[in-house]
Structure formats: structure tokens, C-alpha cells
Amino acid sequence: MPTYTLIIGNKNYSSWSMRPWLLLRHFEIPFAERVIPLFEPGHDAAIRAVSPSGKVPLLQDGDLQIWDSLAICEYLAERHPGLWPRDPAARAIARSVSAEMHSGFLALRSNFQCNIRRRAPRTPTPEIQADIDRIAQLWTDCRGRFGQGGPFLFGEFSIADAMYAPVCFRFQTYGVQLSGAAGVYLATMLATPALRALADDAAAEPFRIAKYEVD
């Protein structure tokens, strides 16, 4: 029986829910999931009934509740070795780029909403383009310095890749094209089995949030 229960929002829209879900799925850590559809009638009350922060995702491990995507990932890393890079320098940079994703890129996140199913190419504003350029720089740097052991940011899949997975889907949705190592990494991520499984689940969801379906 799974030890963990992960409570998430819609797979198609909830980028923060996506991160721990992908981590658990990629590393084949058994878990049960519960989806609370966002913006459906009663969703606020349903989330507040189970989450101290009133937000998703939330990881339940017995009587223990852990909220916030990065905190959940850190908790899992303490219990399951290999979720962060093993090398101390690589691990420090992986934490840095993950924290930057967690707190930054507001123009991109605010204007290119997560909608995995959708294909709606857009021309980025200068502010969004600055976020895109910084992300491409980060990906290129991580791949060049630490990616020799595999196709992901630090060679093997890690929390850092899970943190940037929603960006990969956003780039696909809004037609963002990247070149060089960043473009190769984007294609690699979108072809990863865990991301493909999430995209399949998102496509099958019946829920629709109207404001995310129009320009």
C-alpha cells in the first residue's frame, strides 16, 4: 500500500502540483493521489479541509502533512536518496536553480498560464522574453557544467528537472523555440515518460477553466 497521498489540483493547470507528482512518478515511489479540481464549486472549502495553507499540493505521510512543492520535494529527498545530485557542488547549484524557479520568473508564469493541452503560439513581451532567456541560460549552464552523466540538467533526473517541468509545458503550449543545449533539453523533457504520462492525464481531464482557455 502507498505510504504517501498527494493532494493536487487539475493536472492540466496546476503547475505547482505537477512538480512532486512528476518526482514521485519518475522515481517510481508508490503514492495515492487525490485531485481537487480548481475553480469548481466548493474547491476552496475542499482544499482548506485538508491543507493548512489552503493550497495544493499537499503530501500526507501518515499523520504528517507537508505543503509547498519545494518543501514536499525536500521531504521526499530526505527519505529517498538520489533525488538531488550526489556531487556537493552540483547539489548546491541544483538547489539554487530550483529556488530561483520557485520564487522567480513572474512575468512568464503570470502571462503564460499552465495549460498542457492547449497550443496557442504567442509573441513574448520583453519581460517574458527576459524570463525565457534566463531559463535558457540556466539550462545551458547546468547541462554544460553538470550534465555529462545523462540527458537532464545534472545528468540524472532530479528535483531541479521536476521544478522546471511546468516551464517545458508552457514553452510547448505557447510555441517558445529554443536552440542549442536548451532546445535539446526541452525536447528531452517533453519526451520523458513521467511528463508524457502527466500530459495524457491532463488531456483526459474533463475540467475546463474558462479564463485559461482564451487569450
N, C-alpha and C. Protein backbone atom coordinates (compact mmCIF):
# COMPACT_ATOMS: atom_id res chain seq x y z
N MET A 1 0.84 -1.19 0.00
CA MET A 1 0.00 0.00 0.00
C MET A 1 0.88 1.25 0.00
N PRO A 2 0.49 2.29 -0.73
CA PRO A 2 1.29 3.52 -0.75
C PRO A 2 1.40 4.13 0.64
N THR A 3 2.57 4.65 0.95
CA THR A 3 2.77 5.39 2.19
C THR A 3 2.21 6.79 2.06
N TYR A 4 2.35 7.36 0.87
CA TYR A 4 2.03 8.77 0.65
C TYR A 4 0.69 8.94 -0.06
N THR A 5 0.03 10.05 0.28
CA THR A 5 -1.09 10.54 -0.51
C THR A 5 -0.76 11.97 -0.94
N LEU A 6 -0.81 12.22 -2.25
CA LEU A 6 -0.54 13.55 -2.79
C LEU A 6 -1.85 14.17 -3.24
N ILE A 7 -2.18 15.30 -2.64
CA ILE A 7 -3.40 16.03 -2.99
C ILE A 7 -3.00 17.16 -3.93
N ILE A 8 -3.62 17.18 -5.10
CA ILE A 8 -3.22 18.10 -6.15
C ILE A 8 -4.44 18.77 -6.77
N GLY A 9 -4.18 19.82 -7.54
CA GLY A 9 -5.20 20.43 -8.37
C GLY A 9 -5.23 19.76 -9.73
N ASN A 10 -5.98 20.34 -10.66
CA ASN A 10 -6.07 19.80 -12.01
C ASN A 10 -4.67 19.57 -12.58
N LYS A 11 -4.46 18.44 -13.21
CA LYS A 11 -3.15 18.17 -13.80
C LYS A 11 -2.87 19.10 -14.97
N ASN A 12 -3.91 19.53 -15.66
CA ASN A 12 -3.70 20.39 -16.82
C ASN A 12 -3.26 21.80 -16.43
N TYR A 13 -3.70 22.29 -15.28
CA TYR A 13 -3.50 23.69 -14.93
C TYR A 13 -2.58 23.92 -13.73
N SER A 14 -2.48 22.98 -12.82
CA SER A 14 -1.81 23.23 -11.55
C SER A 14 -0.32 22.93 -11.66
N SER A 15 0.45 23.95 -12.00
CA SER A 15 1.89 23.75 -12.21
C SER A 15 2.60 23.37 -10.92
N TRP A 16 2.16 23.92 -9.80
CA TRP A 16 2.82 23.57 -8.54
C TRP A 16 2.53 22.13 -8.15
N SER A 17 1.33 21.65 -8.41
CA SER A 17 1.01 20.24 -8.13
C SER A 17 1.86 19.30 -8.97
N MET A 18 2.20 19.75 -10.18
CA MET A 18 2.92 18.92 -11.13
C MET A 18 4.28 18.45 -10.61
N ARG A 19 4.96 19.31 -9.89
CA ARG A 19 6.35 19.05 -9.54
C ARG A 19 6.52 17.81 -8.66
N PRO A 20 5.87 17.72 -7.49
CA PRO A 20 6.04 16.50 -6.70
C PRO A 20 5.42 15.27 -7.36
N TRP A 21 4.34 15.46 -8.13
CA TRP A 21 3.74 14.33 -8.84
C TRP A 21 4.76 13.70 -9.79
N LEU A 22 5.45 14.53 -10.56
CA LEU A 22 6.45 14.02 -11.50
C LEU A 22 7.61 13.36 -10.78
N LEU A 23 8.01 13.93 -9.66
CA LEU A 23 9.11 13.35 -8.91
C LEU A 23 8.75 11.95 -8.42
N LEU A 24 7.59 11.82 -7.83
CA LEU A 24 7.14 10.51 -7.36
C LEU A 24 6.99 9.53 -8.51
N ARG A 25 6.43 9.99 -9.61
CA ARG A 25 6.19 9.10 -10.75
C ARG A 25 7.52 8.67 -11.39
N HIS A 26 8.43 9.62 -11.61
CA HIS A 26 9.69 9.28 -12.27
C HIS A 26 10.49 8.27 -11.46
N PHE A 27 10.54 8.47 -10.15
CA PHE A 27 11.34 7.59 -9.30
C PHE A 27 10.57 6.37 -8.82
N GLU A 28 9.36 6.19 -9.32
CA GLU A 28 8.53 5.02 -9.02
C GLU A 28 8.35 4.83 -7.52
N ILE A 29 8.10 5.95 -6.84
CA ILE A 29 7.79 5.92 -5.41
C ILE A 29 6.28 5.76 -5.27
N PRO A 30 5.80 4.71 -4.64
CA PRO A 30 4.36 4.48 -4.58
C PRO A 30 3.63 5.62 -3.86
N PHE A 31 2.51 6.05 -4.43
CA PHE A 31 1.70 7.07 -3.79
C PHE A 31 0.28 6.98 -4.32
N ALA A 32 -0.64 7.43 -3.49
CA ALA A 32 -2.02 7.62 -3.93
C ALA A 32 -2.20 9.10 -4.24
N GLU A 33 -3.10 9.40 -5.13
CA GLU A 33 -3.36 10.80 -5.47
C GLU A 33 -4.83 11.13 -5.30
N ARG A 34 -5.06 12.37 -4.97
CA ARG A 34 -6.42 12.91 -4.91
C ARG A 34 -6.42 14.24 -5.63
N VAL A 35 -7.27 14.37 -6.62
CA VAL A 35 -7.37 15.59 -7.40
C VAL A 35 -8.56 16.41 -6.92
N ILE A 36 -8.30 17.68 -6.57
CA ILE A 36 -9.37 18.62 -6.24
C ILE A 36 -9.42 19.64 -7.37
N PRO A 37 -10.41 19.57 -8.24
CA PRO A 37 -10.45 20.47 -9.40
C PRO A 37 -10.52 21.93 -8.98
N LEU A 38 -9.60 22.73 -9.51
CA LEU A 38 -9.56 24.14 -9.17
C LEU A 38 -10.70 24.90 -9.84
N PHE A 39 -11.22 25.88 -9.13
CA PHE A 39 -12.26 26.78 -9.62
C PHE A 39 -13.59 26.07 -9.89
N GLU A 40 -13.71 24.83 -9.43
CA GLU A 40 -15.01 24.17 -9.43
C GLU A 40 -15.76 24.58 -8.16
N PRO A 41 -17.10 24.49 -8.15
CA PRO A 41 -17.84 24.87 -6.95
C PRO A 41 -17.35 24.09 -5.73
N GLY A 42 -17.07 24.82 -4.66
CA GLY A 42 -16.64 24.19 -3.41
C GLY A 42 -15.17 23.84 -3.33
N HIS A 43 -14.37 24.26 -4.34
CA HIS A 43 -12.98 23.80 -4.32
C HIS A 43 -12.19 24.44 -3.17
N ASP A 44 -12.48 25.70 -2.83
CA ASP A 44 -11.76 26.34 -1.73
C ASP A 44 -11.99 25.59 -0.42
N ALA A 45 -13.24 25.28 -0.14
CA ALA A 45 -13.56 24.57 1.10
C ALA A 45 -12.94 23.18 1.11
N ALA A 46 -12.95 22.51 -0.05
CA ALA A 46 -12.38 21.17 -0.12
C ALA A 46 -10.88 21.19 0.15
N ILE A 47 -10.19 22.20 -0.38
CA ILE A 47 -8.75 22.29 -0.15
C ILE A 47 -8.46 22.66 1.30
N ARG A 48 -9.20 23.62 1.84
CA ARG A 48 -8.95 24.06 3.21
C ARG A 48 -9.27 22.97 4.23
N ALA A 49 -10.12 22.04 3.85
CA ALA A 49 -10.44 20.93 4.75
C ALA A 49 -9.26 19.99 4.94
N VAL A 50 -8.32 20.01 4.01
CA VAL A 50 -7.20 19.07 4.11
C VAL A 50 -5.84 19.76 4.17
N SER A 51 -5.75 21.03 3.76
CA SER A 51 -4.46 21.70 3.64
C SER A 51 -4.36 22.89 4.59
N PRO A 52 -3.36 22.92 5.47
CA PRO A 52 -3.23 24.05 6.40
C PRO A 52 -3.06 25.39 5.70
N SER A 53 -2.42 25.39 4.52
CA SER A 53 -2.19 26.63 3.79
C SER A 53 -3.38 27.03 2.92
N GLY A 54 -4.32 26.12 2.76
CA GLY A 54 -5.43 26.37 1.85
C GLY A 54 -5.04 26.27 0.40
N LYS A 55 -3.91 25.62 0.12
CA LYS A 55 -3.41 25.49 -1.24
C LYS A 55 -2.98 24.05 -1.50
N VAL A 56 -2.85 23.73 -2.77
CA VAL A 56 -2.27 22.46 -3.19
C VAL A 56 -0.96 22.74 -3.92
N PRO A 57 -0.04 21.78 -3.91
CA PRO A 57 -0.16 20.40 -3.46
C PRO A 57 0.05 20.26 -1.95
N LEU A 58 -0.38 19.11 -1.47
CA LEU A 58 -0.16 18.71 -0.09
C LEU A 58 0.21 17.23 -0.09
N LEU A 59 1.27 16.89 0.63
CA LEU A 59 1.67 15.49 0.78
C LEU A 59 1.29 15.03 2.17
N GLN A 60 0.57 13.93 2.24
CA GLN A 60 0.24 13.30 3.51
C GLN A 60 1.08 12.04 3.67
N ASP A 61 1.78 11.96 4.78
CA ASP A 61 2.56 10.77 5.13
C ASP A 61 2.11 10.35 6.51
N GLY A 62 1.13 9.47 6.56
CA GLY A 62 0.51 9.14 7.83
C GLY A 62 -0.20 10.36 8.37
N ASP A 63 0.13 10.75 9.61
CA ASP A 63 -0.48 11.92 10.23
C ASP A 63 0.24 13.22 9.87
N LEU A 64 1.36 13.10 9.17
CA LEU A 64 2.16 14.28 8.84
C LEU A 64 1.67 14.89 7.54
N GLN A 65 1.55 16.23 7.53
CA GLN A 65 1.16 16.97 6.33
C GLN A 65 2.29 17.90 5.93
N ILE A 66 2.70 17.84 4.66
CA ILE A 66 3.74 18.72 4.15
C ILE A 66 3.14 19.48 2.97
N TRP A 67 3.26 20.81 3.00
CA TRP A 67 2.72 21.62 1.90
C TRP A 67 3.85 22.42 1.27
N ASP A 68 3.57 22.97 0.10
CA ASP A 68 4.51 23.70 -0.75
C ASP A 68 5.35 22.70 -1.55
N SER A 69 5.40 22.91 -2.87
CA SER A 69 6.05 21.95 -3.77
C SER A 69 7.50 21.69 -3.40
N LEU A 70 8.26 22.75 -3.15
CA LEU A 70 9.68 22.56 -2.87
C LEU A 70 9.88 21.88 -1.52
N ALA A 71 9.07 22.21 -0.53
CA ALA A 71 9.17 21.54 0.77
C ALA A 71 8.84 20.05 0.64
N ILE A 72 7.83 19.73 -0.18
CA ILE A 72 7.50 18.33 -0.40
C ILE A 72 8.66 17.60 -1.05
N CYS A 73 9.25 18.23 -2.05
CA CYS A 73 10.40 17.60 -2.73
C CYS A 73 11.56 17.39 -1.78
N GLU A 74 11.84 18.37 -0.92
CA GLU A 74 12.91 18.22 0.05
C GLU A 74 12.62 17.10 1.04
N TYR A 75 11.38 17.00 1.47
CA TYR A 75 11.00 15.92 2.39
C TYR A 75 11.21 14.56 1.73
N LEU A 76 10.80 14.44 0.48
CA LEU A 76 10.99 13.17 -0.22
C LEU A 76 12.47 12.86 -0.40
N ALA A 77 13.29 13.89 -0.65
CA ALA A 77 14.72 13.68 -0.83
C ALA A 77 15.38 13.16 0.43
N GLU A 78 14.86 13.54 1.59
CA GLU A 78 15.41 13.05 2.85
C GLU A 78 15.09 11.57 3.06
N ARG A 79 14.04 11.11 2.45
CA ARG A 79 13.60 9.71 2.63
C ARG A 79 13.99 8.80 1.48
N HIS A 80 14.32 9.38 0.35
CA HIS A 80 14.62 8.59 -0.85
C HIS A 80 15.89 9.14 -1.49
N PRO A 81 17.03 8.53 -1.27
CA PRO A 81 18.30 9.05 -1.81
C PRO A 81 18.27 9.11 -3.34
N GLY A 82 18.98 10.11 -3.86
CA GLY A 82 19.12 10.22 -5.31
C GLY A 82 18.22 11.24 -5.96
N LEU A 83 17.40 11.93 -5.18
CA LEU A 83 16.50 12.93 -5.77
C LEU A 83 17.21 14.25 -6.04
N TRP A 84 18.29 14.52 -5.30
CA TRP A 84 19.20 15.60 -5.61
C TRP A 84 20.49 15.02 -6.18
N PRO A 85 21.27 15.79 -6.93
CA PRO A 85 22.56 15.29 -7.40
C PRO A 85 23.45 14.86 -6.23
N ARG A 86 24.25 13.84 -6.46
CA ARG A 86 25.11 13.33 -5.39
C ARG A 86 26.31 14.23 -5.12
N ASP A 87 26.86 14.82 -6.16
CA ASP A 87 28.02 15.69 -6.01
C ASP A 87 27.62 16.96 -5.25
N PRO A 88 28.40 17.36 -4.21
CA PRO A 88 28.00 18.52 -3.40
C PRO A 88 27.88 19.81 -4.20
N ALA A 89 28.81 20.06 -5.12
CA ALA A 89 28.73 21.29 -5.92
C ALA A 89 27.51 21.28 -6.82
N ALA A 90 27.28 20.15 -7.48
CA ALA A 90 26.11 20.04 -8.35
C ALA A 90 24.83 20.18 -7.53
N ARG A 91 24.82 19.59 -6.34
CA ARG A 91 23.63 19.66 -5.50
C ARG A 91 23.36 21.11 -5.07
N ALA A 92 24.41 21.86 -4.77
CA ALA A 92 24.23 23.26 -4.38
C ALA A 92 23.65 24.08 -5.52
N ILE A 93 24.14 23.86 -6.74
CA ILE A 93 23.61 24.60 -7.89
C ILE A 93 22.20 24.14 -8.21
N ALA A 94 21.93 22.85 -8.07
CA ALA A 94 20.57 22.34 -8.30
C ALA A 94 19.58 22.99 -7.35
N ARG A 95 19.98 23.15 -6.10
CA ARG A 95 19.10 23.83 -5.14
C ARG A 95 18.93 25.30 -5.51
N SER A 96 20.00 25.92 -5.98
CA SER A 96 19.92 27.33 -6.35
C SER A 96 18.97 27.55 -7.52
N VAL A 97 19.09 26.74 -8.57
CA VAL A 97 18.22 26.94 -9.73
C VAL A 97 16.78 26.57 -9.40
N SER A 98 16.60 25.60 -8.50
CA SER A 98 15.24 25.24 -8.07
C SER A 98 14.61 26.37 -7.28
N ALA A 99 15.38 26.98 -6.39
CA ALA A 99 14.87 28.11 -5.62
C ALA A 99 14.55 29.30 -6.51
N GLU A 100 15.38 29.53 -7.54
CA GLU A 100 15.11 30.62 -8.47
C GLU A 100 13.79 30.37 -9.21
N MET A 101 13.54 29.14 -9.59
CA MET A 101 12.27 28.81 -10.23
C MET A 101 11.12 29.02 -9.27
N HIS A 102 11.32 28.62 -8.03
CA HIS A 102 10.27 28.68 -7.03
C HIS A 102 9.82 30.11 -6.77
N SER A 103 10.76 31.06 -6.82
CA SER A 103 10.44 32.43 -6.43
C SER A 103 10.45 33.43 -7.58
N GLY A 104 10.88 33.02 -8.76
CA GLY A 104 11.08 33.97 -9.84
C GLY A 104 10.24 33.72 -11.07
N PHE A 105 10.65 34.37 -12.17
CA PHE A 105 10.03 34.23 -13.48
C PHE A 105 8.54 34.59 -13.45
N LEU A 106 8.24 35.69 -12.75
CA LEU A 106 6.83 36.05 -12.55
C LEU A 106 6.15 36.48 -13.84
N ALA A 107 6.88 37.15 -14.73
CA ALA A 107 6.25 37.58 -15.99
C ALA A 107 5.83 36.37 -16.81
N LEU A 108 6.69 35.38 -16.91
CA LEU A 108 6.37 34.17 -17.65
C LEU A 108 5.20 33.43 -17.02
N ARG A 109 5.29 33.23 -15.71
CA ARG A 109 4.26 32.45 -15.03
C ARG A 109 2.91 33.15 -15.03
N SER A 110 2.91 34.49 -14.95
CA SER A 110 1.65 35.22 -14.87
C SER A 110 0.95 35.32 -16.22
N ASN A 111 1.71 35.36 -17.30
CA ASN A 111 1.13 35.61 -18.62
C ASN A 111 1.05 34.37 -19.51
N PHE A 112 1.91 33.41 -19.28
CA PHE A 112 1.84 32.14 -20.00
C PHE A 112 1.34 31.09 -19.02
N GLN A 113 0.03 31.12 -18.79
CA GLN A 113 -0.55 30.23 -17.79
C GLN A 113 -0.38 28.76 -18.19
N CYS A 114 -0.26 27.92 -17.19
CA CYS A 114 -0.10 26.49 -17.45
C CYS A 114 -1.38 25.92 -18.04
N ASN A 115 -1.27 25.36 -19.22
CA ASN A 115 -2.39 24.71 -19.90
C ASN A 115 -1.77 23.69 -20.85
N ILE A 116 -1.55 22.50 -20.36
CA ILE A 116 -0.78 21.49 -21.08
C ILE A 116 -1.45 21.11 -22.40
N ARG A 117 -2.77 21.05 -22.41
CA ARG A 117 -3.50 20.61 -23.60
C ARG A 117 -3.43 21.61 -24.74
N ARG A 118 -3.30 22.87 -24.41
CA ARG A 118 -3.51 23.94 -25.38
C ARG A 118 -2.29 24.16 -26.27
N ARG A 119 -2.53 24.63 -27.50
CA ARG A 119 -1.46 25.09 -28.39
C ARG A 119 -1.87 26.49 -28.88
N ALA A 120 -1.17 27.51 -28.34
CA ALA A 120 -1.54 28.89 -28.62
C ALA A 120 -0.28 29.73 -28.75
N PRO A 121 0.42 29.65 -29.88
CA PRO A 121 1.67 30.41 -30.04
C PRO A 121 1.47 31.90 -29.79
N ARG A 122 2.40 32.50 -29.06
CA ARG A 122 2.34 33.92 -28.75
C ARG A 122 3.72 34.54 -28.93
N THR A 123 3.73 35.83 -29.19
CA THR A 123 4.98 36.59 -29.21
C THR A 123 5.23 37.13 -27.81
N PRO A 124 6.33 36.74 -27.17
CA PRO A 124 6.56 37.19 -25.79
C PRO A 124 6.78 38.70 -25.71
N THR A 125 6.32 39.29 -24.64
CA THR A 125 6.67 40.67 -24.32
C THR A 125 8.15 40.70 -23.93
N PRO A 126 8.76 41.89 -23.89
CA PRO A 126 10.16 41.95 -23.44
C PRO A 126 10.38 41.35 -22.06
N GLU A 127 9.42 41.53 -21.15
CA GLU A 127 9.57 40.99 -19.80
C GLU A 127 9.51 39.46 -19.81
N ILE A 128 8.61 38.90 -20.61
CA ILE A 128 8.53 37.45 -20.72
C ILE A 128 9.77 36.90 -21.41
N GLN A 129 10.23 37.59 -22.45
CA GLN A 129 11.41 37.15 -23.16
C GLN A 129 12.64 37.15 -22.24
N ALA A 130 12.71 38.11 -21.33
CA ALA A 130 13.83 38.14 -20.38
C ALA A 130 13.80 36.90 -19.49
N ASP A 131 12.61 36.47 -19.07
CA ASP A 131 12.49 35.23 -18.29
C ASP A 131 12.91 34.03 -19.13
N ILE A 132 12.45 33.98 -20.37
CA ILE A 132 12.80 32.86 -21.26
C ILE A 132 14.31 32.80 -21.45
N ASP A 133 14.93 33.95 -21.68
CA ASP A 133 16.38 33.97 -21.90
C ASP A 133 17.13 33.51 -20.66
N ARG A 134 16.68 33.92 -19.49
CA ARG A 134 17.34 33.49 -18.25
C ARG A 134 17.20 31.98 -18.06
N ILE A 135 16.03 31.44 -18.34
CA ILE A 135 15.82 29.99 -18.21
C ILE A 135 16.73 29.24 -19.19
N ALA A 136 16.79 29.70 -20.43
CA ALA A 136 17.66 29.06 -21.42
C ALA A 136 19.12 29.12 -20.97
N GLN A 137 19.51 30.24 -20.38
CA GLN A 137 20.87 30.37 -19.87
C GLN A 137 21.14 29.37 -18.74
N LEU A 138 20.19 29.25 -17.82
CA LEU A 138 20.33 28.30 -16.72
C LEU A 138 20.45 26.87 -17.25
N TRP A 139 19.56 26.50 -18.15
CA TRP A 139 19.59 25.14 -18.69
C TRP A 139 20.91 24.86 -19.39
N THR A 140 21.37 25.81 -20.20
CA THR A 140 22.62 25.62 -20.93
C THR A 140 23.79 25.49 -19.97
N ASP A 141 23.82 26.33 -18.95
CA ASP A 141 24.91 26.29 -17.98
C ASP A 141 24.91 24.97 -17.20
N CYS A 142 23.75 24.55 -16.73
CA CYS A 142 23.68 23.30 -15.95
C CYS A 142 24.07 22.10 -16.81
N ARG A 143 23.59 22.07 -18.03
CA ARG A 143 23.94 20.96 -18.92
C ARG A 143 25.45 20.95 -19.22
N GLY A 144 26.01 22.14 -19.43
CA GLY A 144 27.42 22.20 -19.75
C GLY A 144 28.33 21.84 -18.60
N ARG A 145 27.94 22.23 -17.39
CA ARG A 145 28.80 22.01 -16.23
C ARG A 145 28.57 20.67 -15.57
N PHE A 146 27.32 20.19 -15.56
CA PHE A 146 26.99 19.03 -14.73
C PHE A 146 26.24 17.93 -15.47
N GLY A 147 25.96 18.10 -16.75
CA GLY A 147 25.06 17.19 -17.44
C GLY A 147 25.71 16.06 -18.20
N GLN A 148 27.01 15.83 -17.99
CA GLN A 148 27.69 14.82 -18.80
C GLN A 148 27.23 13.40 -18.51
N GLY A 149 26.65 13.16 -17.34
CA GLY A 149 26.27 11.80 -16.98
C GLY A 149 24.89 11.38 -17.43
N GLY A 150 24.19 12.21 -18.20
CA GLY A 150 22.84 11.88 -18.64
C GLY A 150 22.21 13.07 -19.33
N PRO A 151 20.95 12.97 -19.74
CA PRO A 151 20.34 14.00 -20.57
C PRO A 151 19.66 15.14 -19.82
N PHE A 152 19.68 15.09 -18.48
CA PHE A 152 18.93 16.08 -17.71
C PHE A 152 19.86 17.17 -17.20
N LEU A 153 19.35 18.11 -16.44
CA LEU A 153 20.13 19.28 -16.04
C LEU A 153 21.41 18.90 -15.32
N PHE A 154 21.35 17.88 -14.49
CA PHE A 154 22.51 17.44 -13.74
C PHE A 154 22.85 15.99 -14.06
N GLY A 155 22.62 15.62 -15.30
CA GLY A 155 22.88 14.25 -15.74
C GLY A 155 21.66 13.39 -15.53
N GLU A 156 21.48 12.91 -14.31
CA GLU A 156 20.31 12.12 -13.97
C GLU A 156 19.16 13.05 -13.56
N PHE A 157 17.93 12.57 -13.75
CA PHE A 157 16.75 13.33 -13.37
C PHE A 157 16.81 13.66 -11.88
N SER A 158 16.44 14.89 -11.53
CA SER A 158 16.48 15.32 -10.14
C SER A 158 15.33 16.27 -9.86
N ILE A 159 15.29 16.75 -8.63
CA ILE A 159 14.28 17.73 -8.25
C ILE A 159 14.34 18.95 -9.15
N ALA A 160 15.54 19.34 -9.55
CA ALA A 160 15.67 20.52 -10.42
C ALA A 160 14.88 20.34 -11.71
N ASP A 161 14.92 19.16 -12.30
CA ASP A 161 14.15 18.91 -13.52
C ASP A 161 12.66 18.97 -13.24
N ALA A 162 12.23 18.42 -12.12
CA ALA A 162 10.81 18.48 -11.77
C ALA A 162 10.36 19.92 -11.58
N MET A 163 11.23 20.76 -11.02
CA MET A 163 10.87 22.15 -10.80
C MET A 163 10.68 22.91 -12.11
N TYR A 164 11.42 22.53 -13.15
CA TYR A 164 11.32 23.24 -14.43
C TYR A 164 10.37 22.56 -15.42
N ALA A 165 9.77 21.44 -15.04
CA ALA A 165 8.86 20.75 -15.95
C ALA A 165 7.68 21.62 -16.39
N PRO A 166 7.05 22.39 -15.48
CA PRO A 166 5.94 23.25 -15.94
C PRO A 166 6.38 24.26 -17.00
N VAL A 167 7.62 24.75 -16.89
CA VAL A 167 8.14 25.67 -17.91
C VAL A 167 8.22 24.97 -19.26
N CYS A 168 8.65 23.71 -19.25
CA CYS A 168 8.72 22.96 -20.51
C CYS A 168 7.34 22.88 -21.17
N PHE A 169 6.32 22.59 -20.38
CA PHE A 169 4.97 22.54 -20.93
C PHE A 169 4.52 23.92 -21.40
N ARG A 170 4.85 24.97 -20.66
CA ARG A 170 4.49 26.32 -21.10
C ARG A 170 5.15 26.66 -22.44
N PHE A 171 6.40 26.32 -22.58
CA PHE A 171 7.09 26.59 -23.84
C PHE A 171 6.40 25.85 -24.99
N GLN A 172 5.97 24.62 -24.74
CA GLN A 172 5.26 23.87 -25.77
C GLN A 172 3.93 24.52 -26.10
N THR A 173 3.18 24.91 -25.08
CA THR A 173 1.86 25.50 -25.28
C THR A 173 1.93 26.78 -26.10
N TYR A 174 2.90 27.64 -25.77
CA TYR A 174 2.93 28.97 -26.36
C TYR A 174 3.96 29.11 -27.48
N GLY A 175 4.50 27.99 -27.94
CA GLY A 175 5.33 27.98 -29.12
C GLY A 175 6.69 28.62 -28.94
N VAL A 176 7.26 28.53 -27.74
CA VAL A 176 8.59 29.09 -27.49
C VAL A 176 9.64 28.14 -28.07
N GLN A 177 10.48 28.65 -28.93
CA GLN A 177 11.52 27.87 -29.58
C GLN A 177 12.87 28.19 -28.95
N LEU A 178 13.62 27.16 -28.59
CA LEU A 178 14.95 27.32 -28.03
C LEU A 178 15.96 26.60 -28.91
N SER A 179 17.18 27.11 -28.92
CA SER A 179 18.23 26.49 -29.72
C SER A 179 19.30 25.89 -28.82
N GLY A 180 20.22 25.16 -29.42
CA GLY A 180 21.36 24.64 -28.71
C GLY A 180 21.00 23.67 -27.60
N ALA A 181 21.81 23.68 -26.54
CA ALA A 181 21.63 22.74 -25.45
C ALA A 181 20.28 22.91 -24.77
N ALA A 182 19.79 24.15 -24.67
CA ALA A 182 18.49 24.38 -24.05
C ALA A 182 17.37 23.76 -24.86
N GLY A 183 17.45 23.84 -26.18
CA GLY A 183 16.44 23.23 -27.04
C GLY A 183 16.46 21.71 -26.95
N VAL A 184 17.65 21.14 -26.89
CA VAL A 184 17.76 19.68 -26.75
C VAL A 184 17.17 19.23 -25.42
N TYR A 185 17.48 19.98 -24.37
CA TYR A 185 16.94 19.64 -23.05
C TYR A 185 15.42 19.72 -23.05
N LEU A 186 14.85 20.76 -23.65
CA LEU A 186 13.40 20.90 -23.71
C LEU A 186 12.78 19.69 -24.39
N ALA A 187 13.33 19.27 -25.52
CA ALA A 187 12.79 18.11 -26.23
C ALA A 187 12.92 16.85 -25.39
N THR A 188 14.04 16.72 -24.69
CA THR A 188 14.25 15.55 -23.83
C THR A 188 13.20 15.49 -22.73
N MET A 189 12.97 16.62 -22.09
CA MET A 189 11.98 16.65 -21.01
C MET A 189 10.59 16.29 -21.50
N LEU A 190 10.17 16.87 -22.62
CA LEU A 190 8.82 16.61 -23.11
C LEU A 190 8.63 15.16 -23.53
N ALA A 191 9.73 14.45 -23.83
CA ALA A 191 9.65 13.04 -24.22
C ALA A 191 9.82 12.10 -23.03
N THR A 192 10.09 12.63 -21.84
CA THR A 192 10.30 11.80 -20.65
C THR A 192 9.00 11.10 -20.27
N PRO A 193 9.05 9.81 -19.95
CA PRO A 193 7.81 9.08 -19.66
C PRO A 193 6.92 9.72 -18.60
N ALA A 194 7.49 10.26 -17.53
CA ALA A 194 6.66 10.85 -16.48
C ALA A 194 5.91 12.07 -17.00
N LEU A 195 6.59 12.91 -17.82
CA LEU A 195 5.91 14.08 -18.38
C LEU A 195 4.86 13.66 -19.40
N ARG A 196 5.15 12.64 -20.17
CA ARG A 196 4.15 12.16 -21.14
C ARG A 196 2.94 11.60 -20.43
N ALA A 197 3.15 10.89 -19.32
CA ALA A 197 2.03 10.35 -18.56
C ALA A 197 1.17 11.47 -17.99
N LEU A 198 1.81 12.52 -17.49
CA LEU A 198 1.06 13.65 -16.97
C LEU A 198 0.28 14.33 -18.08
N ALA A 199 0.89 14.51 -19.25
CA ALA A 199 0.20 15.13 -20.37
C ALA A 199 -1.01 14.31 -20.80
N ASP A 200 -0.87 12.99 -20.79
CA ASP A 200 -2.00 12.12 -21.14
C ASP A 200 -3.14 12.29 -20.14
N ASP A 201 -2.79 12.33 -18.85
CA ASP A 201 -3.81 12.52 -17.82
C ASP A 201 -4.47 13.89 -17.97
N ALA A 202 -3.67 14.90 -18.27
CA ALA A 202 -4.22 16.25 -18.44
C ALA A 202 -5.19 16.30 -19.61
N ALA A 203 -4.84 15.63 -20.69
CA ALA A 203 -5.71 15.62 -21.87
C ALA A 203 -7.04 14.95 -21.60
N ALA A 204 -7.03 13.99 -20.68
CA ALA A 204 -8.25 13.23 -20.38
C ALA A 204 -9.13 13.90 -19.34
N GLU A 205 -8.63 14.93 -18.66
CA GLU A 205 -9.43 15.57 -17.62
C GLU A 205 -10.64 16.28 -18.22
N PRO A 206 -11.79 16.17 -17.57
CA PRO A 206 -12.98 16.86 -18.09
C PRO A 206 -13.07 18.32 -17.67
N PHE A 207 -12.23 18.73 -16.72
CA PHE A 207 -12.35 20.06 -16.15
C PHE A 207 -11.83 21.11 -17.12
N ARG A 208 -12.52 22.25 -17.18
CA ARG A 208 -12.09 23.37 -18.00
C ARG A 208 -12.20 24.65 -17.18
N ILE A 209 -11.12 25.44 -17.16
CA ILE A 209 -11.12 26.75 -16.52
C ILE A 209 -11.18 27.78 -17.64
N ALA A 210 -12.31 28.46 -17.77
CA ALA A 210 -12.58 29.27 -18.95
C ALA A 210 -11.51 30.34 -19.16
N LYS A 211 -11.04 30.99 -18.10
CA LYS A 211 -10.09 32.10 -18.28
C LYS A 211 -8.74 31.62 -18.80
N TYR A 212 -8.44 30.35 -18.69
CA TYR A 212 -7.18 29.81 -19.20
C TYR A 212 -7.33 29.24 -20.62
N GLU A 213 -8.53 29.33 -21.16
CA GLU A 213 -8.77 28.75 -22.48
C GLU A 213 -8.93 29.80 -23.56
N VAL A 214 -8.83 31.08 -23.19
CA VAL A 214 -8.95 32.15 -24.17
C VAL A 214 -7.77 33.11 -24.00
N ASP A 215 -7.45 33.83 -25.06
CA ASP A 215 -6.37 34.83 -24.99
C ASP A 215 -6.87 36.10 -24.31
